[in-house]
Each structure stands twice: as C-alpha cells, then as structure tokens.
C-alpha cells in the first residue's frame, strides 16, 4: 500500500480577517499550528502595543486555535485572539455602544453605591453563608475603590482576578 504524500500532509490555505496585519501564507498540515500560532501571537502583541500607547495594559484574554484532523496530522485550521484592556481614566459604558464614556469619579460613585447596596442586603439576611459571600464581594469592591482613591496601578493579574470574580 502506497501513501500519497499530498493527502497525508495537505497544504492548507489561510485568509486574514479584514484589517488584520500580516501575510496570508499557506502551510502544510504538519506546520499549520506553528503558522497560525505565529499569526495570533503577532495579533496579541499588536493589541498589547495599542494598550500601552493608550496608557493601559491587557488584563485578560487568550489565543484560541481551531484544531482539526487534516490528512495524517492534527492541524490548526483557524485562530482567534481575544484581549480585554484596562485603560485608566476612561471607561466605556456597558449596555449601549453609543460612545459615551465614564470618568473615574463616575466609577467611584458606582462602586460606592454597589458597596452600600451590598451592606444593606447583608444586614437584612440571616444566612451565614450568604453573609460571608456578600462580605467577600464588599471587600473586593472596597479594594477596587481604594485603588482608585490612591491612584494605584494594581498588578495586571490582580485586576484580572478581581474582574473574573465579580463577573
């Protein structure tokens, strides 16, 4: 039995998203993961550079590869890079995407309101587990509020952990 090299290790063609920098090179299935990962890493670094230009940093995200069998190999047929940036001093309102922005004082007010709401809820509950959960949320919100008051730049991993916990 003879194995056809073209069917065992096929050449995969790639397209870039509109506006995505880079060149759309094809690659054999055996090298496809390296090819797609290289493109996605360059996208991640471009996002990081953009965040640094704006005075912020990346707090989360990742690179995701769509892996499928092509010929005799597990190949990357597509990739996606997602990032969440934190840029101090400016926040885009959630909900409508109408370009309105909040200042740090608006965020501080929202944090104070949420803390007060959680304290009232904690005073009215009798369940010890619920009280403990509410206290943890209050502590995290107070940490965020204090970082705004002191104009501290929290480490990236801490901000990411805080946002993951509250989300």
N, C-alpha and C. Protein backbone atom coordinates (compact mmCIF):
# COMPACT_ATOMS: atom_id res chain seq x y z
N UNK A 1 0.85 -1.17 0.00
CA UNK A 1 0.00 0.00 0.00
C UNK A 1 0.89 1.24 0.00
N UNK A 2 0.59 2.11 -0.89
CA UNK A 2 1.39 3.32 -1.06
C UNK A 2 0.63 4.52 -0.50
N UNK A 3 1.32 5.38 0.30
CA UNK A 3 0.71 6.57 0.88
C UNK A 3 1.04 7.76 0.00
N UNK A 4 0.01 8.49 -0.38
CA UNK A 4 0.18 9.69 -1.20
C UNK A 4 0.59 10.84 -0.27
N UNK A 5 1.80 11.42 -0.45
CA UNK A 5 2.24 12.50 0.44
C UNK A 5 1.32 13.72 0.42
N UNK A 6 0.65 13.98 -0.69
CA UNK A 6 -0.23 15.15 -0.78
C UNK A 6 -1.50 14.97 0.04
N UNK A 7 -1.96 13.74 0.20
CA UNK A 7 -3.15 13.53 1.01
C UNK A 7 -2.79 13.31 2.49
N UNK A 8 -1.56 12.85 2.75
CA UNK A 8 -1.14 12.63 4.13
C UNK A 8 -0.77 13.95 4.82
N UNK A 9 -0.19 14.87 4.07
CA UNK A 9 0.23 16.17 4.62
C UNK A 9 -0.22 17.28 3.66
N UNK A 10 -1.54 17.55 3.60
CA UNK A 10 -2.04 18.52 2.62
C UNK A 10 -1.61 19.95 2.96
N UNK A 11 -1.58 20.77 1.94
CA UNK A 11 -1.27 22.19 2.10
C UNK A 11 -2.58 22.91 2.45
N UNK A 12 -2.56 23.67 3.54
CA UNK A 12 -3.74 24.40 3.99
C UNK A 12 -3.58 25.88 3.64
N UNK A 13 -4.62 26.46 3.07
CA UNK A 13 -4.62 27.89 2.74
C UNK A 13 -5.29 28.67 3.87
N UNK A 14 -4.82 29.88 4.11
CA UNK A 14 -5.37 30.71 5.19
C UNK A 14 -5.75 32.07 4.64
N UNK A 15 -6.78 32.68 5.25
CA UNK A 15 -7.18 34.05 4.94
C UNK A 15 -7.07 34.86 6.23
N UNK A 16 -6.72 36.11 6.10
CA UNK A 16 -6.68 37.01 7.25
C UNK A 16 -8.01 37.76 7.34
N UNK A 17 -8.39 38.12 8.54
CA UNK A 17 -9.59 38.93 8.73
C UNK A 17 -9.36 40.30 8.12
N UNK A 18 -10.42 40.98 7.67
CA UNK A 18 -10.25 42.33 7.11
C UNK A 18 -9.58 43.26 8.13
N UNK A 19 -8.53 43.93 7.70
CA UNK A 19 -7.81 44.86 8.57
C UNK A 19 -6.75 44.20 9.44
N UNK A 20 -6.66 42.89 9.41
CA UNK A 20 -5.66 42.19 10.23
C UNK A 20 -4.30 42.29 9.54
N UNK A 21 -3.26 42.71 10.28
CA UNK A 21 -1.94 42.82 9.67
C UNK A 21 -1.32 41.44 9.46
N UNK A 22 -0.44 41.34 8.51
CA UNK A 22 0.26 40.09 8.26
C UNK A 22 0.03 39.62 6.84
N UNK A 23 0.65 38.48 6.52
CA UNK A 23 0.52 37.90 5.20
C UNK A 23 -0.17 36.55 5.32
N UNK A 24 -1.05 36.27 4.37
CA UNK A 24 -1.78 35.00 4.39
C UNK A 24 -0.97 33.94 3.67
N UNK A 25 -0.09 33.26 4.38
CA UNK A 25 0.72 32.18 3.81
C UNK A 25 0.01 30.86 4.00
N UNK A 26 0.18 29.97 3.05
CA UNK A 26 -0.33 28.61 3.24
C UNK A 26 0.75 27.82 3.96
N UNK A 27 0.36 26.68 4.51
CA UNK A 27 1.29 25.83 5.25
C UNK A 27 0.84 24.39 5.16
N UNK A 28 1.80 23.45 5.17
CA UNK A 28 1.40 22.05 5.23
C UNK A 28 0.75 21.76 6.58
N UNK A 29 -0.10 20.74 6.64
CA UNK A 29 -0.80 20.40 7.88
C UNK A 29 0.18 20.18 9.03
N UNK A 30 1.33 19.62 8.74
CA UNK A 30 2.31 19.35 9.80
C UNK A 30 2.87 20.62 10.43
N UNK A 31 2.82 21.75 9.73
CA UNK A 31 3.36 23.02 10.23
C UNK A 31 2.25 24.04 10.52
N UNK A 32 1.00 23.65 10.39
CA UNK A 32 -0.10 24.60 10.48
C UNK A 32 -0.24 25.23 11.87
N UNK A 33 -0.02 24.45 12.92
CA UNK A 33 -0.15 25.00 14.28
C UNK A 33 0.88 26.11 14.49
N UNK A 34 2.11 25.88 14.03
CA UNK A 34 3.14 26.92 14.16
C UNK A 34 2.76 28.16 13.36
N UNK A 35 2.22 27.97 12.15
CA UNK A 35 1.86 29.09 11.29
C UNK A 35 0.75 29.94 11.90
N UNK A 36 -0.33 29.28 12.36
CA UNK A 36 -1.47 30.01 12.91
C UNK A 36 -1.09 30.64 14.26
N UNK A 37 -0.37 29.91 15.10
CA UNK A 37 0.05 30.46 16.38
C UNK A 37 0.94 31.68 16.20
N UNK A 38 1.82 31.66 15.21
CA UNK A 38 2.67 32.81 14.93
C UNK A 38 1.84 34.03 14.58
N UNK A 39 0.81 33.85 13.74
CA UNK A 39 -0.07 34.97 13.36
C UNK A 39 -0.83 35.50 14.58
N UNK A 40 -1.35 34.60 15.41
CA UNK A 40 -2.12 35.02 16.58
C UNK A 40 -1.23 35.69 17.63
N UNK A 41 -0.01 35.24 17.79
CA UNK A 41 0.92 35.91 18.70
C UNK A 41 1.23 37.33 18.23
N UNK A 42 1.37 37.50 16.92
CA UNK A 42 1.63 38.86 16.42
C UNK A 42 0.41 39.75 16.65
N UNK A 43 -0.81 39.18 16.54
CA UNK A 43 -2.02 39.95 16.85
C UNK A 43 -2.05 40.35 18.32
N UNK A 44 -1.70 39.41 19.21
CA UNK A 44 -1.68 39.69 20.65
C UNK A 44 -0.69 40.82 20.96
N UNK A 45 0.49 40.75 20.36
CA UNK A 45 1.49 41.79 20.60
C UNK A 45 1.03 43.14 20.06
N UNK A 46 0.28 43.13 18.95
CA UNK A 46 -0.26 44.39 18.41
C UNK A 46 -1.28 44.98 19.39
N UNK A 47 -2.13 44.12 19.98
CA UNK A 47 -3.09 44.60 20.98
C UNK A 47 -2.36 45.16 22.20
N UNK A 48 -1.31 44.47 22.63
CA UNK A 48 -0.54 44.93 23.79
C UNK A 48 0.10 46.29 23.51
N UNK A 49 0.63 46.46 22.31
CA UNK A 49 1.23 47.73 21.92
C UNK A 49 0.19 48.85 21.90
N UNK A 50 -1.00 48.54 21.39
CA UNK A 50 -2.09 49.52 21.36
C UNK A 50 -2.49 49.94 22.78
N UNK A 51 -2.58 48.98 23.68
CA UNK A 51 -2.94 49.29 25.07
C UNK A 51 -1.86 50.16 25.71
N UNK A 52 -0.60 49.85 25.47
CA UNK A 52 0.49 50.64 26.05
C UNK A 52 0.50 52.06 25.51
N UNK A 53 0.17 52.24 24.23
CA UNK A 53 0.10 53.57 23.64
C UNK A 53 -0.95 54.43 24.35
N UNK A 54 -2.04 53.78 24.78
CA UNK A 54 -3.13 54.49 25.44
C UNK A 54 -2.93 54.58 26.95
N UNK A 55 -1.79 54.08 27.44
CA UNK A 55 -1.51 54.16 28.87
C UNK A 55 -2.13 53.04 29.68
N UNK A 56 -2.54 51.98 29.04
CA UNK A 56 -3.19 50.88 29.74
C UNK A 56 -2.41 49.59 29.59
N UNK A 57 -3.11 48.50 29.85
CA UNK A 57 -2.48 47.18 29.72
C UNK A 57 -3.56 46.12 29.55
N UNK A 58 -3.12 44.95 29.16
CA UNK A 58 -4.04 43.84 28.94
C UNK A 58 -4.28 43.14 30.27
N UNK A 59 -5.55 42.91 30.61
CA UNK A 59 -5.87 42.24 31.87
C UNK A 59 -6.37 40.82 31.67
N UNK A 60 -6.63 40.43 30.46
CA UNK A 60 -7.09 39.06 30.23
C UNK A 60 -7.26 38.78 28.77
N UNK A 61 -7.61 37.56 28.48
CA UNK A 61 -7.84 37.17 27.10
C UNK A 61 -7.09 35.89 26.79
N UNK A 62 -6.86 35.65 25.54
CA UNK A 62 -6.13 34.46 25.15
C UNK A 62 -6.13 34.24 23.66
N UNK A 63 -5.41 33.20 23.27
CA UNK A 63 -5.32 32.79 21.88
C UNK A 63 -6.03 31.45 21.78
N UNK A 64 -6.92 31.35 20.80
CA UNK A 64 -7.71 30.14 20.63
C UNK A 64 -7.48 29.60 19.23
N UNK A 65 -7.15 28.31 19.13
CA UNK A 65 -6.93 27.66 17.84
C UNK A 65 -8.03 26.66 17.58
N UNK A 66 -8.49 26.62 16.34
CA UNK A 66 -9.47 25.62 15.90
C UNK A 66 -8.66 24.47 15.31
N UNK A 67 -8.57 23.37 16.04
CA UNK A 67 -7.76 22.22 15.63
C UNK A 67 -8.65 21.14 15.04
N UNK A 68 -8.24 20.64 13.88
CA UNK A 68 -8.97 19.57 13.20
C UNK A 68 -7.98 18.65 12.50
N UNK A 69 -8.43 17.44 12.25
CA UNK A 69 -7.57 16.49 11.56
C UNK A 69 -7.56 16.80 10.07
N UNK A 70 -6.39 16.96 9.53
CA UNK A 70 -6.21 17.16 8.09
C UNK A 70 -5.11 16.19 7.66
N UNK A 71 -5.48 15.25 6.82
CA UNK A 71 -4.53 14.22 6.41
C UNK A 71 -4.15 13.38 7.62
N UNK A 72 -2.86 13.22 7.84
CA UNK A 72 -2.38 12.44 8.97
C UNK A 72 -2.01 13.28 10.17
N UNK A 73 -2.43 14.54 10.21
CA UNK A 73 -2.00 15.45 11.27
C UNK A 73 -3.18 16.16 11.93
N UNK A 74 -2.98 16.56 13.17
CA UNK A 74 -3.88 17.48 13.84
C UNK A 74 -3.41 18.87 13.43
N UNK A 75 -4.26 19.60 12.75
CA UNK A 75 -3.86 20.87 12.14
C UNK A 75 -4.70 22.01 12.68
N UNK A 76 -4.11 23.19 12.69
CA UNK A 76 -4.83 24.42 13.05
C UNK A 76 -5.45 24.96 11.77
N UNK A 77 -6.79 24.98 11.72
CA UNK A 77 -7.46 25.49 10.53
C UNK A 77 -7.86 26.95 10.68
N UNK A 78 -7.86 27.45 11.93
CA UNK A 78 -8.20 28.86 12.17
C UNK A 78 -7.70 29.25 13.56
N UNK A 79 -7.62 30.54 13.80
CA UNK A 79 -7.20 31.04 15.11
C UNK A 79 -7.93 32.32 15.44
N UNK A 80 -7.97 32.61 16.74
CA UNK A 80 -8.65 33.83 17.20
C UNK A 80 -7.90 34.35 18.42
N UNK A 81 -7.70 35.64 18.49
CA UNK A 81 -7.08 36.28 19.64
C UNK A 81 -8.08 37.22 20.26
N UNK A 82 -8.32 37.05 21.58
CA UNK A 82 -9.21 37.95 22.32
C UNK A 82 -8.41 38.57 23.45
N UNK A 83 -8.63 39.86 23.67
CA UNK A 83 -7.97 40.53 24.81
C UNK A 83 -8.96 41.48 25.46
N UNK A 84 -8.77 41.70 26.75
CA UNK A 84 -9.51 42.72 27.50
C UNK A 84 -8.47 43.70 28.00
N UNK A 85 -8.66 44.97 27.65
CA UNK A 85 -7.71 46.02 28.02
C UNK A 85 -8.29 46.86 29.15
N UNK A 86 -7.39 47.34 30.00
CA UNK A 86 -7.75 48.32 31.02
C UNK A 86 -6.98 49.58 30.70
N UNK A 87 -7.71 50.67 30.51
CA UNK A 87 -7.09 51.97 30.25
C UNK A 87 -7.56 52.91 31.34
N UNK A 88 -6.68 53.30 32.28
CA UNK A 88 -7.08 54.15 33.40
C UNK A 88 -7.64 55.49 32.93
N UNK A 89 -8.66 55.95 33.66
CA UNK A 89 -9.22 57.27 33.39
C UNK A 89 -10.39 57.27 32.44
N UNK A 90 -10.56 56.21 31.68
CA UNK A 90 -11.67 56.15 30.74
C UNK A 90 -12.31 54.78 30.80
N UNK A 91 -13.63 54.79 30.81
CA UNK A 91 -14.39 53.54 30.78
C UNK A 91 -15.51 53.71 29.77
N UNK A 92 -15.73 52.72 28.96
CA UNK A 92 -16.86 52.74 28.04
C UNK A 92 -18.05 52.15 28.78
N UNK A 93 -19.18 52.84 28.71
CA UNK A 93 -20.37 52.34 29.41
C UNK A 93 -20.80 51.01 28.82
N UNK A 94 -21.27 50.13 29.68
CA UNK A 94 -21.79 48.86 29.21
C UNK A 94 -23.23 49.05 28.78
N UNK A 95 -23.74 48.11 28.02
CA UNK A 95 -25.10 48.23 27.52
C UNK A 95 -25.06 48.75 26.11
N UNK A 96 -25.47 49.99 25.92
CA UNK A 96 -25.44 50.60 24.59
C UNK A 96 -24.00 50.87 24.18
N UNK A 97 -23.74 50.73 22.91
CA UNK A 97 -22.43 51.05 22.38
C UNK A 97 -22.54 52.38 21.64
N UNK A 98 -22.79 53.45 22.41
CA UNK A 98 -23.02 54.76 21.79
C UNK A 98 -21.84 55.71 21.94
N UNK A 99 -20.70 55.20 22.43
CA UNK A 99 -19.52 56.03 22.52
C UNK A 99 -19.45 56.89 23.76
N UNK A 100 -20.45 56.86 24.65
CA UNK A 100 -20.37 57.62 25.89
C UNK A 100 -19.26 57.06 26.77
N UNK A 101 -18.62 57.92 27.53
CA UNK A 101 -17.55 57.46 28.40
C UNK A 101 -17.79 57.94 29.82
N UNK A 102 -17.31 57.14 30.77
CA UNK A 102 -17.41 57.49 32.17
C UNK A 102 -16.03 57.92 32.66
N UNK A 103 -15.97 58.82 33.60
CA UNK A 103 -14.71 59.20 34.21
C UNK A 103 -14.49 58.33 35.43
N UNK A 104 -13.30 58.44 36.03
CA UNK A 104 -13.01 57.67 37.24
C UNK A 104 -13.96 58.04 38.36
N UNK A 105 -14.40 59.31 38.44
CA UNK A 105 -15.32 59.70 39.52
C UNK A 105 -16.67 59.00 39.36
N UNK A 106 -17.11 58.79 38.11
CA UNK A 106 -18.35 58.03 37.89
C UNK A 106 -18.20 56.59 38.37
N UNK A 107 -17.05 56.01 38.09
CA UNK A 107 -16.79 54.64 38.51
C UNK A 107 -16.74 54.56 40.03
N UNK A 108 -16.10 55.55 40.66
CA UNK A 108 -16.05 55.58 42.14
C UNK A 108 -17.45 55.65 42.73
N UNK A 109 -18.29 56.48 42.15
CA UNK A 109 -19.66 56.61 42.63
C UNK A 109 -20.41 55.29 42.48
N UNK A 110 -20.25 54.63 41.36
CA UNK A 110 -20.90 53.34 41.15
C UNK A 110 -20.40 52.30 42.14
N UNK A 111 -19.08 52.30 42.41
CA UNK A 111 -18.52 51.36 43.39
C UNK A 111 -19.10 51.61 44.78
N UNK A 112 -19.18 52.90 45.18
CA UNK A 112 -19.74 53.24 46.50
C UNK A 112 -21.20 52.81 46.60
N UNK A 113 -21.96 53.05 45.54
CA UNK A 113 -23.38 52.67 45.54
C UNK A 113 -23.54 51.16 45.66
N UNK A 114 -22.71 50.42 44.94
CA UNK A 114 -22.79 48.96 44.99
C UNK A 114 -22.40 48.44 46.37
N UNK A 115 -21.38 49.05 46.99
CA UNK A 115 -20.97 48.65 48.34
C UNK A 115 -22.10 48.90 49.33
N UNK A 116 -22.74 50.07 49.25
CA UNK A 116 -23.86 50.38 50.14
C UNK A 116 -25.02 49.41 49.93
N UNK A 117 -25.31 49.08 48.68
CA UNK A 117 -26.38 48.14 48.37
C UNK A 117 -26.08 46.76 48.98
N UNK A 118 -24.84 46.31 48.84
CA UNK A 118 -24.47 45.00 49.39
C UNK A 118 -24.51 45.01 50.93
N UNK A 119 -24.12 46.13 51.54
CA UNK A 119 -24.18 46.22 53.01
C UNK A 119 -25.61 46.14 53.51
N UNK A 120 -26.54 46.81 52.80
CA UNK A 120 -27.94 46.75 53.20
C UNK A 120 -28.48 45.32 53.04
N UNK A 121 -28.08 44.67 51.96
CA UNK A 121 -28.51 43.30 51.74
C UNK A 121 -27.94 42.38 52.82
N UNK A 122 -26.67 42.63 53.23
CA UNK A 122 -26.03 41.81 54.25
C UNK A 122 -26.72 42.00 55.60
N UNK A 123 -27.15 43.23 55.91
CA UNK A 123 -27.85 43.50 57.18
C UNK A 123 -29.21 42.80 57.24
N UNK A 124 -29.84 42.61 56.09
CA UNK A 124 -31.18 42.03 56.09
C UNK A 124 -31.19 40.51 56.00
N UNK A 125 -30.06 39.88 55.71
CA UNK A 125 -30.04 38.42 55.59
C UNK A 125 -29.62 37.76 56.90
N UNK A 126 -30.11 36.54 57.11
CA UNK A 126 -29.76 35.79 58.32
C UNK A 126 -28.89 34.58 58.00
N UNK A 127 -28.78 34.22 56.73
CA UNK A 127 -27.99 33.06 56.32
C UNK A 127 -26.49 33.39 56.43
N UNK A 128 -25.73 32.63 57.27
CA UNK A 128 -24.30 32.91 57.44
C UNK A 128 -23.49 32.75 56.14
N UNK A 129 -23.84 31.78 55.31
CA UNK A 129 -23.11 31.58 54.05
C UNK A 129 -23.33 32.77 53.11
N UNK A 130 -24.56 33.27 53.07
CA UNK A 130 -24.87 34.43 52.24
C UNK A 130 -24.15 35.68 52.74
N UNK A 131 -24.10 35.83 54.09
CA UNK A 131 -23.39 36.98 54.67
C UNK A 131 -21.90 36.93 54.31
N UNK A 132 -21.33 35.74 54.36
CA UNK A 132 -19.90 35.59 54.04
C UNK A 132 -19.64 35.93 52.57
N UNK A 133 -20.52 35.47 51.69
CA UNK A 133 -20.40 35.78 50.26
C UNK A 133 -20.50 37.28 50.01
N UNK A 134 -21.48 37.92 50.64
CA UNK A 134 -21.66 39.37 50.48
C UNK A 134 -20.45 40.13 51.02
N UNK A 135 -19.88 39.68 52.15
CA UNK A 135 -18.71 40.34 52.72
C UNK A 135 -17.51 40.26 51.78
N UNK A 136 -17.34 39.10 51.13
CA UNK A 136 -16.24 38.95 50.16
C UNK A 136 -16.41 39.92 49.00
N UNK A 137 -17.64 40.05 48.49
CA UNK A 137 -17.89 40.99 47.40
C UNK A 137 -17.63 42.42 47.84
N UNK A 138 -18.04 42.77 49.04
CA UNK A 138 -17.80 44.12 49.57
C UNK A 138 -16.30 44.37 49.67
N UNK A 139 -15.55 43.40 50.18
CA UNK A 139 -14.10 43.55 50.32
C UNK A 139 -13.43 43.79 48.96
N UNK A 140 -13.86 43.04 47.94
CA UNK A 140 -13.27 43.22 46.62
C UNK A 140 -13.61 44.59 46.04
N UNK A 141 -14.84 45.02 46.21
CA UNK A 141 -15.23 46.34 45.70
C UNK A 141 -14.49 47.45 46.45
N UNK A 142 -14.29 47.28 47.75
CA UNK A 142 -13.53 48.28 48.51
C UNK A 142 -12.07 48.32 48.06
N UNK A 143 -11.51 47.17 47.71
CA UNK A 143 -10.14 47.14 47.17
C UNK A 143 -10.07 47.94 45.88
N UNK A 144 -11.04 47.73 45.01
CA UNK A 144 -11.07 48.49 43.75
C UNK A 144 -11.25 49.98 44.01
N UNK A 145 -12.13 50.33 44.94
CA UNK A 145 -12.38 51.73 45.27
C UNK A 145 -11.13 52.38 45.85
N UNK A 146 -10.45 51.69 46.75
CA UNK A 146 -9.23 52.23 47.35
C UNK A 146 -8.12 52.41 46.32
N UNK A 147 -8.06 51.52 45.32
CA UNK A 147 -7.03 51.68 44.29
C UNK A 147 -7.31 52.93 43.46
N UNK A 148 -8.60 53.24 43.23
CA UNK A 148 -8.93 54.48 42.52
C UNK A 148 -8.57 55.70 43.37
N UNK A 149 -8.90 55.64 44.67
CA UNK A 149 -8.63 56.79 45.55
C UNK A 149 -7.15 57.08 45.64
N UNK A 150 -6.33 56.02 45.70
CA UNK A 150 -4.89 56.20 45.84
C UNK A 150 -4.19 56.32 44.49
N UNK A 151 -4.97 56.25 43.41
CA UNK A 151 -4.42 56.27 42.05
C UNK A 151 -3.34 55.21 41.88
N UNK A 152 -3.59 54.04 42.43
CA UNK A 152 -2.63 52.95 42.33
C UNK A 152 -2.84 52.20 41.02
N UNK A 153 -1.78 51.71 40.47
CA UNK A 153 -1.87 50.83 39.32
C UNK A 153 -1.71 49.42 39.88
N UNK A 154 -2.82 48.71 40.04
CA UNK A 154 -2.76 47.35 40.55
C UNK A 154 -2.08 46.45 39.52
N UNK A 155 -1.39 45.41 39.98
CA UNK A 155 -0.79 44.48 39.02
C UNK A 155 -1.86 43.87 38.13
N UNK A 156 -1.46 43.52 36.90
CA UNK A 156 -2.40 43.00 35.92
C UNK A 156 -3.13 41.77 36.43
N UNK A 157 -2.42 40.85 37.04
CA UNK A 157 -3.05 39.61 37.49
C UNK A 157 -4.09 39.88 38.56
N UNK A 158 -3.88 40.89 39.41
CA UNK A 158 -4.83 41.20 40.47
C UNK A 158 -6.11 41.81 39.90
N UNK A 159 -5.98 42.71 38.96
CA UNK A 159 -7.15 43.31 38.33
C UNK A 159 -7.92 42.24 37.57
N UNK A 160 -7.21 41.37 36.85
CA UNK A 160 -7.88 40.30 36.12
C UNK A 160 -8.62 39.36 37.06
N UNK A 161 -8.00 39.02 38.19
CA UNK A 161 -8.65 38.14 39.16
C UNK A 161 -9.89 38.81 39.76
N UNK A 162 -9.77 40.09 40.06
CA UNK A 162 -10.89 40.83 40.64
C UNK A 162 -12.07 40.87 39.67
N UNK A 163 -11.79 41.16 38.41
CA UNK A 163 -12.86 41.24 37.41
C UNK A 163 -13.47 39.87 37.15
N UNK A 164 -12.64 38.82 37.12
CA UNK A 164 -13.18 37.47 36.93
C UNK A 164 -14.09 37.07 38.06
N UNK A 165 -13.74 37.44 39.29
CA UNK A 165 -14.53 37.07 40.45
C UNK A 165 -15.86 37.80 40.47
N UNK A 166 -15.87 39.07 40.10
CA UNK A 166 -17.11 39.86 40.14
C UNK A 166 -18.00 39.64 38.95
N UNK A 167 -17.46 39.14 37.86
CA UNK A 167 -18.26 38.98 36.64
C UNK A 167 -19.21 37.80 36.72
